[in-house]
Protein backbone atom coordinates (compact mmCIF):
# COMPACT_ATOMS: atom_id res chain seq x y z
CA UNK A 1 121.98 -175.94 -259.76
CA UNK A 2 121.75 -173.01 -257.22
CA UNK A 3 118.49 -172.66 -255.51
CA UNK A 4 116.46 -169.49 -254.08
CA UNK A 5 117.61 -170.20 -250.50
CA UNK A 6 121.29 -170.06 -251.45
CA UNK A 7 120.61 -166.80 -253.65
CA UNK A 8 118.77 -165.41 -250.60
CA UNK A 9 121.59 -166.31 -248.11
CA UNK A 10 124.40 -164.91 -250.30
CA UNK A 11 122.40 -161.78 -250.71
CA UNK A 12 121.93 -161.47 -247.17
CA UNK A 13 125.23 -161.72 -246.04
CA UNK A 14 126.70 -159.52 -248.72
CA UNK A 15 124.53 -157.17 -247.60
CA UNK A 16 125.66 -157.10 -244.06
CA UNK A 17 129.09 -157.27 -245.05
CA UNK A 18 128.16 -154.11 -246.96
CA UNK A 19 127.25 -152.64 -243.44
CA UNK A 20 129.99 -153.90 -241.82
CA UNK A 21 132.59 -152.24 -243.92
CA UNK A 22 130.49 -148.84 -243.88
CA UNK A 23 131.04 -149.14 -240.04
CA UNK A 24 134.58 -149.58 -240.21
CA UNK A 25 135.17 -146.75 -242.77
CA UNK A 26 133.14 -144.64 -240.40
CA UNK A 27 135.10 -145.67 -237.17
CA UNK A 28 138.12 -144.46 -239.34
CA UNK A 29 136.90 -141.22 -240.73
CA UNK A 30 134.36 -139.53 -238.16
CA UNK A 31 135.66 -136.99 -235.77
CA UNK A 32 134.78 -137.96 -232.37
CA UNK A 33 133.88 -140.86 -229.79
CA UNK A 34 130.17 -140.22 -230.27
CA UNK A 35 130.27 -140.19 -233.96
CA UNK A 36 132.03 -143.35 -234.27
CA UNK A 37 129.79 -144.70 -231.47
CA UNK A 38 126.63 -144.18 -233.40
CA UNK A 39 128.45 -145.28 -236.94
CA UNK A 40 129.65 -148.56 -235.10
CA UNK A 41 126.48 -148.72 -233.09
CA UNK A 42 123.84 -149.00 -235.92
CA UNK A 43 125.67 -150.34 -238.83
CA UNK A 44 127.84 -152.95 -237.25
CA UNK A 45 124.14 -154.31 -235.30
CA UNK A 46 122.14 -154.50 -238.75
CA UNK A 47 125.52 -155.85 -240.64
CA UNK A 48 125.98 -158.64 -238.23
CA UNK A 49 122.16 -159.48 -237.72
CA UNK A 50 122.04 -159.51 -241.78
CA UNK A 51 125.03 -162.03 -241.77
CA UNK A 52 123.61 -164.31 -238.89
CA UNK A 53 120.13 -164.46 -241.02
CA UNK A 54 121.88 -165.30 -244.19
CA UNK A 55 123.58 -167.81 -242.43
CA UNK A 56 120.21 -169.45 -240.96
CA UNK A 57 118.72 -169.07 -244.29
CA UNK A 58 121.66 -171.06 -245.86
CA UNK A 59 121.11 -173.46 -243.31
CA UNK A 60 117.69 -174.31 -243.35
CA UNK A 61 115.48 -175.16 -240.69
CA UNK A 62 117.86 -177.22 -238.16
CA UNK A 63 119.09 -176.80 -234.49
CA UNK A 64 122.12 -174.46 -236.01
CA UNK A 65 119.61 -172.22 -237.54
CA UNK A 66 117.59 -171.77 -234.20
CA UNK A 67 121.02 -170.93 -232.65
CA UNK A 68 121.99 -168.28 -234.91
CA UNK A 69 118.54 -166.94 -234.63
CA UNK A 70 119.15 -166.93 -230.96
CA UNK A 71 122.33 -165.30 -231.11
CA UNK A 72 120.46 -162.83 -233.57
CA UNK A 73 117.87 -161.86 -231.09
CA UNK A 74 120.72 -161.29 -228.45
CA UNK A 75 122.66 -158.65 -230.89
CA UNK A 76 119.15 -157.21 -231.55
CA UNK A 77 118.84 -156.53 -227.89
CA UNK A 78 122.57 -156.17 -226.53
CA UNK A 79 124.06 -153.96 -229.00
CA UNK A 80 121.60 -151.04 -228.90
CA UNK A 81 121.89 -151.24 -225.06
CA UNK A 82 125.75 -151.14 -225.16
CA UNK A 83 126.09 -148.25 -227.15
CA UNK A 84 123.58 -146.40 -225.18
CA UNK A 85 125.49 -147.16 -222.09
CA UNK A 86 128.85 -146.17 -223.81
CA UNK A 87 127.44 -142.88 -224.70
CA UNK A 88 125.51 -142.07 -221.33
CA UNK A 89 128.90 -143.11 -219.32
CA UNK A 90 131.26 -140.76 -221.55
CA UNK A 91 128.75 -137.74 -221.60
CA UNK A 92 128.45 -138.14 -217.75
CA UNK A 93 132.32 -138.33 -217.13
CA UNK A 94 132.78 -135.50 -219.20
CA UNK A 95 134.10 -136.54 -222.59
CA UNK A 96 133.82 -133.44 -224.61
CA UNK A 97 131.42 -133.45 -227.86
CA UNK A 98 132.85 -132.46 -231.09
CA UNK A 99 131.58 -129.34 -232.62
CA UNK A 100 132.82 -127.75 -235.94
CA UNK A 101 134.54 -124.54 -235.20
CA UNK A 102 133.85 -121.59 -237.49
CA UNK A 103 136.50 -120.06 -240.00
CA UNK A 104 137.37 -116.88 -239.44
């Protein structure tokens, strides 16, 4: 018999995988560095956090889930900071920003 803990874990992991796939598609489809960084920064952070939370829910209350929550906190803090530093450095070094050209 499937209990509610397993259903919640599967739903969280599935939602996380959805966001990770969206992040990968954004990396392939978007035109420039900044757009790709935005896509990967937001979707990847949310997707990874949902997967980690789903794994922690599946494990229950024990030391493994504590470590997963600890990794969750580091991802929550570290990924946005890393994305911000990358974009700021790219802008300062003169990496061009993509603009849509007008058709004539």
